[in-house]
Amino acid sequence: MSSDKFALPTVADALEQRLAAAINVPYPFPIRDIDNGAKSNRTHAELTYEQTDVSAFFEGQRLADGWVAVNFELGLSAPEMDPEKGNETLFTLLPLLINALDDMDDIQWSTASKGRDSSGTFYKIPITLFATTKETDNG
């Protein structure tokens, strides 16, 4: 486990703060929590996140008592309806997001899946962040 401790009740806020600090772009780049009803206006590229599962296991192994794996799905989306322009935006932002995730040793990820819907082009990236179920002053 990382030396940082994230308390389960505040892990989503901690994730958002860390992502905002790690991804530096010279234009508006909102980060939105879908669990809190955040709606996309798709006027800018954006990053959304949603907590999906909490588990006592990670990669088939039971975690130490007091620790859980908290799974989120990140969504990186481009505002452009034109697929070519959307791809351009995503191909600029995806490496920044991947590098930010790789620099956070307590976040695990493996695949970014590309998709397209009526709102445009996007990537979905499942991640896992470890959190403690015990009280902590760092959470």
Foldseek 3Di string as FASTA:
>chain_A
DDPFAAAPVCPVVVVLVLLVVQQDDPDDEEEEEVVVVDDDPLPAWYKYKYWDDKACDDPRHGHPPQKIKIKMKIKTFHQDAPQVVRVVVCVVRVVSSVVSQVVPVQKDWDDWDWDADNRGIMTITMMIGMHGNDDDPRD
